[in-house]
Amino acid sequence: MKRKNVPTVSGDPISHGQSSPEGKISVAEMAGNAPEVDLHGLDLNEARAVLERFIDVEYLSGSEVIHIVHGNGTGALRESVRRTLEKDERVVFHRPGVAAMGASVYAVLKK
């Protein structure tokens, strides 16, 4: 039986020309071209409002991957971002960004 070559993006298989959510994030992370919002210095309520508006705008503009910078600190903002992403039905996947890039998270939006 002959093995098929399966194309990959950063080690993730591409299924029928569509990369996995992790693969989409890896490509955006390496290229540095995902739309980004920086929530540094905002309180939790401000940050949630800004993040929700950012998701609205990027979803409507057709963005697949977004980058949210929350910084280090106490972890309260990171947790608030995580909860917001988990509750939003337009977000299909999210994971922390590369540590070398600072405290952030990438998310993949529904098409």
Protein backbone atom coordinates (compact mmCIF):
# COMPACT_ATOMS: atom_id res chain seq x y z
CA MET A 1 0.00 0.00 0.00
CA LYS A 2 1.41 3.36 -1.02
CA ARG A 3 1.49 6.12 1.62
CA LYS A 4 0.06 9.48 0.72
CA ASN A 5 2.04 12.59 1.50
CA VAL A 6 -0.02 14.68 3.87
CA PRO A 7 0.80 18.41 3.73
CA THR A 8 1.46 19.99 7.10
CA VAL A 9 1.58 23.44 8.66
CA SER A 10 3.88 23.55 11.68
CA GLY A 11 3.45 19.81 12.12
CA ASP A 12 -0.35 19.85 11.90
CA PRO A 13 -2.01 17.95 9.04
CA ILE A 14 -4.02 19.96 6.55
CA SER A 15 -7.37 18.38 5.82
CA HIS A 16 -8.70 18.97 2.30
CA GLY A 17 -6.77 22.22 1.93
CA GLN A 18 -8.00 23.57 5.26
CA SER A 19 -5.56 23.69 8.16
CA SER A 20 -6.56 22.82 11.68
CA PRO A 21 -7.26 25.65 14.14
CA GLU A 22 -3.83 25.07 15.71
CA GLY A 23 -2.24 25.18 12.26
CA LYS A 24 -4.00 28.45 11.43
CA ILE A 25 -2.67 29.96 14.65
CA SER A 26 0.85 28.67 13.97
CA VAL A 27 0.85 30.27 10.51
CA ALA A 28 -0.48 33.60 11.86
CA GLU A 29 1.98 33.51 14.75
CA MET A 30 4.97 32.93 12.47
CA ALA A 31 3.84 35.55 9.96
CA GLY A 32 2.89 38.05 12.67
CA ASN A 33 -0.12 39.13 10.65
CA ALA A 34 -3.11 38.39 12.89
CA PRO A 35 -5.22 41.41 13.88
CA GLU A 36 -4.22 42.34 17.42
CA VAL A 37 -5.69 44.11 20.42
CA ASP A 38 -3.61 45.12 23.43
CA LEU A 39 -5.51 45.14 26.73
CA HIS A 40 -2.60 46.33 28.93
CA GLY A 41 -3.62 48.92 31.50
CA LEU A 42 -7.37 48.31 31.21
CA ASP A 43 -9.48 47.20 34.14
CA LEU A 44 -11.46 43.96 33.75
CA ASN A 45 -14.70 45.64 32.64
CA GLU A 46 -12.95 47.89 30.11
CA ALA A 47 -10.89 44.98 28.80
CA ARG A 48 -13.95 42.75 28.34
CA ALA A 49 -15.81 45.51 26.45
CA VAL A 50 -12.80 46.20 24.21
CA LEU A 51 -12.28 42.48 23.56
CA GLU A 52 -15.95 41.89 22.72
CA ARG A 53 -15.93 44.85 20.31
CA PHE A 54 -12.66 43.62 18.76
CA ILE A 55 -14.17 40.16 18.18
CA ASP A 56 -17.28 41.79 16.64
CA VAL A 57 -15.22 43.85 14.20
CA GLU A 58 -12.82 41.06 13.24
CA TYR A 59 -15.58 38.46 12.87
CA LEU A 60 -17.58 40.76 10.59
CA SER A 61 -14.46 41.57 8.55
CA GLY A 62 -13.78 37.86 8.00
CA SER A 63 -10.66 37.45 10.11
CA GLU A 64 -9.91 33.84 10.97
CA VAL A 65 -7.23 34.31 13.61
CA ILE A 66 -6.97 37.10 16.16
CA HIS A 67 -4.27 37.95 18.71
CA ILE A 68 -5.11 39.30 22.16
CA VAL A 69 -2.29 40.72 24.31
CA HIS A 70 -3.15 40.71 28.01
CA GLY A 71 0.26 40.94 29.67
CA ASN A 72 1.47 39.24 32.83
CA GLY A 73 0.56 40.63 36.22
CA THR A 74 -1.83 38.92 38.63
CA GLY A 75 -3.45 36.71 35.99
CA ALA A 76 -6.90 38.26 36.47
CA LEU A 77 -6.94 39.78 32.97
CA ARG A 78 -5.66 36.53 31.42
CA GLU A 79 -8.47 34.61 33.14
CA SER A 80 -11.08 37.18 32.07
CA VAL A 81 -9.90 36.92 28.45
CA ARG A 82 -10.04 33.11 28.61
CA ARG A 83 -13.59 33.15 30.03
CA THR A 84 -14.74 35.66 27.40
CA LEU A 85 -13.33 33.54 24.58
CA GLU A 86 -14.85 30.35 25.96
CA LYS A 87 -18.33 31.92 26.18
CA ASP A 88 -18.25 33.45 22.68
CA GLU A 89 -19.85 31.11 20.13
CA ARG A 90 -17.82 32.70 17.32
CA VAL A 91 -14.57 31.44 18.86
CA VAL A 92 -13.85 27.86 17.82
CA PHE A 93 -10.41 27.47 19.41
CA HIS A 94 -7.94 29.46 21.48
CA ARG A 95 -4.54 28.94 23.05
CA PRO A 96 -1.76 30.96 24.66
CA GLY A 97 0.73 32.67 22.39
CA VAL A 98 4.43 31.86 22.35
CA ALA A 99 6.00 32.90 25.66
CA ALA A 100 8.78 34.79 23.88
CA MET A 101 6.15 37.14 22.44
CA GLY A 102 4.77 38.16 25.82
CA ALA A 103 1.61 37.13 27.62
CA SER A 104 -1.06 36.74 24.98
CA VAL A 105 -3.61 34.41 23.45
CA TYR A 106 -4.56 33.52 19.88
CA ALA A 107 -8.11 32.61 18.89
CA VAL A 108 -9.68 31.17 15.74
CA LEU A 109 -13.07 32.57 14.72
CA LYS A 110 -15.86 30.75 12.87
CA LYS A 111 -16.13 31.37 9.17
